[in-house]
Amino acid sequence: MIRVSVMYPSGDGSTFDHDYYRERHMPLVAELMGDALKGTAIDRGLAGGAPGEPPTYVTVGHMTFDAVEDFQAGMAEHGEQILGDIPNYTNITPVLQINEIVS
């Protein structure tokens, strides 16, 4: 299994509509990815490691797939629509990382 994490870094002047992301964007991704997508989760940043420090990421969205190829196939087919929705909820350029789930 793999986990695709889409991270939205904090920064001055950044905006992020959490409601839109949760209620519209992630359901859109789930619909387009279909059965290849095994699950999703959303983490909303609260704080950094030190007292009073802002979170490194405003939000991190997670998607689980059986294999990297499943994610890549979905993005090849629907990536334009998924990426095209980003300006509807943020002005942040996301950072993507694919991880193997080991436990």
C-alpha atoms as a PDB file:
ATOM      1  CA  MET A   1       0.000   0.000   0.000  1.00  0.00           C
ATOM      2  CA  ILE A   2       1.082   3.562  -0.625  1.00  0.00           C
ATOM      3  CA  ARG A   3       0.032   6.897   0.792  1.00  0.00           C
ATOM      4  CA  VAL A   4       0.066  10.045  -1.309  1.00  0.00           C
ATOM      5  CA  SER A   5       0.406  13.128   0.878  1.00  0.00           C
ATOM      6  CA  VAL A   6      -0.429  16.525  -0.586  1.00  0.00           C
ATOM      7  CA  MET A   7       1.013  19.188   1.709  1.00  0.00           C
ATOM      8  CA  TYR A   8       0.089  22.877   1.652  1.00  0.00           C
ATOM      9  CA  PRO A   9       2.909  24.916   3.255  1.00  0.00           C
ATOM     10  CA  SER A  10       2.066  27.811   5.575  1.00  0.00           C
ATOM     11  CA  GLY A  11       3.197  31.247   4.496  1.00  0.00           C
ATOM     12  CA  ASP A  12       2.460  34.935   4.598  1.00  0.00           C
ATOM     13  CA  GLY A  13      -0.461  35.818   2.376  1.00  0.00           C
ATOM     14  CA  SER A  14      -1.520  32.213   1.903  1.00  0.00           C
ATOM     15  CA  THR A  15      -5.211  31.397   1.867  1.00  0.00           C
ATOM     16  CA  PHE A  16      -6.940  28.051   2.285  1.00  0.00           C
ATOM     17  CA  ASP A  17     -10.671  27.281   2.348  1.00  0.00           C
ATOM     18  CA  HIS A  18     -10.852  24.210   4.584  1.00  0.00           C
ATOM     19  CA  ASP A  19     -14.595  23.759   4.084  1.00  0.00           C
ATOM     20  CA  TYR A  20     -14.272  23.698   0.296  1.00  0.00           C
ATOM     21  CA  TYR A  21     -11.343  21.294   0.494  1.00  0.00           C
ATOM     22  CA  ARG A  22     -13.203  18.892   2.794  1.00  0.00           C
ATOM     23  CA  GLU A  23     -16.669  19.158   1.244  1.00  0.00           C
ATOM     24  CA  ARG A  24     -15.916  19.591  -2.463  1.00  0.00           C
ATOM     25  CA  HIS A  25     -12.305  18.933  -3.482  1.00  0.00           C
ATOM     26  CA  MET A  26     -11.643  15.645  -1.695  1.00  0.00           C
ATOM     27  CA  PRO A  27     -15.033  14.193  -2.753  1.00  0.00           C
ATOM     28  CA  LEU A  28     -14.191  15.214  -6.343  1.00  0.00           C
ATOM     29  CA  VAL A  29     -10.861  13.398  -6.083  1.00  0.00           C
ATOM     30  CA  ALA A  30     -12.597  10.328  -4.643  1.00  0.00           C
ATOM     31  CA  GLU A  31     -15.179  10.314  -7.422  1.00  0.00           C
ATOM     32  CA  LEU A  32     -12.597  10.668 -10.178  1.00  0.00           C
ATOM     33  CA  MET A  33     -10.116   8.149  -8.745  1.00  0.00           C
ATOM     34  CA  GLY A  34     -12.871   5.576  -8.242  1.00  0.00           C
ATOM     35  CA  ASP A  35     -12.124   2.177  -6.738  1.00  0.00           C
ATOM     36  CA  ALA A  36      -8.353   2.683  -7.054  1.00  0.00           C
ATOM     37  CA  LEU A  37      -8.567   5.125  -4.135  1.00  0.00           C
ATOM     38  CA  LYS A  38      -8.739   3.081  -0.941  1.00  0.00           C
ATOM     39  CA  GLY A  39      -9.142   5.942   1.545  1.00  0.00           C
ATOM     40  CA  THR A  40      -8.556   9.596   2.354  1.00  0.00           C
ATOM     41  CA  ALA A  41      -7.734  11.677   5.402  1.00  0.00           C
ATOM     42  CA  ILE A  42      -7.238  15.384   6.005  1.00  0.00           C
ATOM     43  CA  ASP A  43      -4.942  16.894   8.638  1.00  0.00           C
ATOM     44  CA  ARG A  44      -5.440  20.561   9.502  1.00  0.00           C
ATOM     45  CA  GLY A  45      -2.264  22.204  10.832  1.00  0.00           C
ATOM     46  CA  LEU A  46      -2.507  23.609  14.354  1.00  0.00           C
ATOM     47  CA  ALA A  47       1.027  24.454  15.464  1.00  0.00           C
ATOM     48  CA  GLY A  48       4.714  23.843  14.923  1.00  0.00           C
ATOM     49  CA  GLY A  49       7.053  22.055  17.316  1.00  0.00           C
ATOM     50  CA  ALA A  50       7.891  25.053  19.499  1.00  0.00           C
ATOM     51  CA  PRO A  51       5.384  27.027  21.596  1.00  0.00           C
ATOM     52  CA  GLY A  52       3.764  29.739  19.507  1.00  0.00           C
ATOM     53  CA  GLU A  53       5.259  28.438  16.259  1.00  0.00           C
ATOM     54  CA  PRO A  54       2.828  28.240  13.321  1.00  0.00           C
ATOM     55  CA  PRO A  55       2.242  24.891  11.615  1.00  0.00           C
ATOM     56  CA  THR A  56       4.618  23.949   8.822  1.00  0.00           C
ATOM     57  CA  TYR A  57       1.623  22.994   6.691  1.00  0.00           C
ATOM     58  CA  VAL A  58      -1.834  24.583   6.666  1.00  0.00           C
ATOM     59  CA  THR A  59      -3.310  21.266   5.588  1.00  0.00           C
ATOM     60  CA  VAL A  60      -2.106  17.844   4.508  1.00  0.00           C
ATOM     61  CA  GLY A  61      -4.408  15.647   2.440  1.00  0.00           C
ATOM     62  CA  HIS A  62      -3.728  11.913   2.334  1.00  0.00           C
ATOM     63  CA  MET A  63      -4.853   9.330  -0.206  1.00  0.00           C
ATOM     64  CA  THR A  64      -4.224   5.596  -0.003  1.00  0.00           C
ATOM     65  CA  PHE A  65      -3.764   3.328  -3.025  1.00  0.00           C
ATOM     66  CA  ASP A  66      -2.587  -0.243  -3.544  1.00  0.00           C
ATOM     67  CA  ALA A  67       0.303   0.882  -5.778  1.00  0.00           C
ATOM     68  CA  VAL A  68       2.022   3.972  -7.168  1.00  0.00           C
ATOM     69  CA  GLU A  69       0.817   2.977 -10.623  1.00  0.00           C
ATOM     70  CA  ASP A  70      -2.819   3.219  -9.485  1.00  0.00           C
ATOM     71  CA  PHE A  71      -2.292   6.826  -8.396  1.00  0.00           C
ATOM     72  CA  GLN A  72      -0.367   7.665 -11.565  1.00  0.00           C
ATOM     73  CA  ALA A  73      -3.053   6.147 -13.800  1.00  0.00           C
ATOM     74  CA  GLY A  74      -5.748   8.187 -12.064  1.00  0.00           C
ATOM     75  CA  MET A  75      -3.727  11.381 -12.396  1.00  0.00           C
ATOM     76  CA  ALA A  76      -2.981  10.670 -16.054  1.00  0.00           C
ATOM     77  CA  GLU A  77      -6.703  10.418 -16.716  1.00  0.00           C
ATOM     78  CA  HIS A  78      -8.072  13.064 -14.302  1.00  0.00           C
ATOM     79  CA  GLY A  79      -5.118  15.183 -13.201  1.00  0.00           C
ATOM     80  CA  GLU A  80      -6.112  18.215 -15.243  1.00  0.00           C
ATOM     81  CA  GLN A  81      -9.509  18.386 -13.535  1.00  0.00           C
ATOM     82  CA  ILE A  82      -8.082  17.689 -10.055  1.00  0.00           C
ATOM     83  CA  LEU A  83      -5.265  20.230 -10.369  1.00  0.00           C
ATOM     84  CA  GLY A  84      -7.621  22.715 -12.009  1.00  0.00           C
ATOM     85  CA  ASP A  85      -9.742  22.753  -8.856  1.00  0.00           C
ATOM     86  CA  ILE A  86      -6.865  23.929  -6.621  1.00  0.00           C
ATOM     87  CA  PRO A  87      -7.427  27.683  -7.215  1.00  0.00           C
ATOM     88  CA  ASN A  88     -10.980  27.229  -5.877  1.00  0.00           C
ATOM     89  CA  TYR A  89      -9.669  26.668  -2.344  1.00  0.00           C
ATOM     90  CA  THR A  90      -6.086  27.958  -2.069  1.00  0.00           C
ATOM     91  CA  ASN A  91      -3.344  30.131  -3.476  1.00  0.00           C
ATOM     92  CA  ILE A  92      -0.701  27.745  -2.091  1.00  0.00           C
ATOM     93  CA  THR A  93       1.363  25.558  -4.399  1.00  0.00           C
ATOM     94  CA  PRO A  94       1.079  22.058  -2.912  1.00  0.00           C
ATOM     95  CA  VAL A  95       3.996  19.722  -2.272  1.00  0.00           C
ATOM     96  CA  LEU A  96       3.369  16.049  -3.063  1.00  0.00           C
ATOM     97  CA  GLN A  97       5.079  13.007  -1.583  1.00  0.00           C
ATOM     98  CA  ILE A  98       4.410   9.327  -2.174  1.00  0.00           C
ATOM     99  CA  ASN A  99       5.232   6.953   0.686  1.00  0.00           C
ATOM    100  CA  GLU A 100       5.163   3.218   1.197  1.00  0.00           C
ATOM    101  CA  ILE A 101       3.025   2.347   4.209  1.00  0.00           C
ATOM    102  CA  VAL A 102       5.207   0.112   6.373  1.00  0.00           C
ATOM    103  CA  SER A 103       3.053  -0.132   9.496  1.00  0.00           C
END
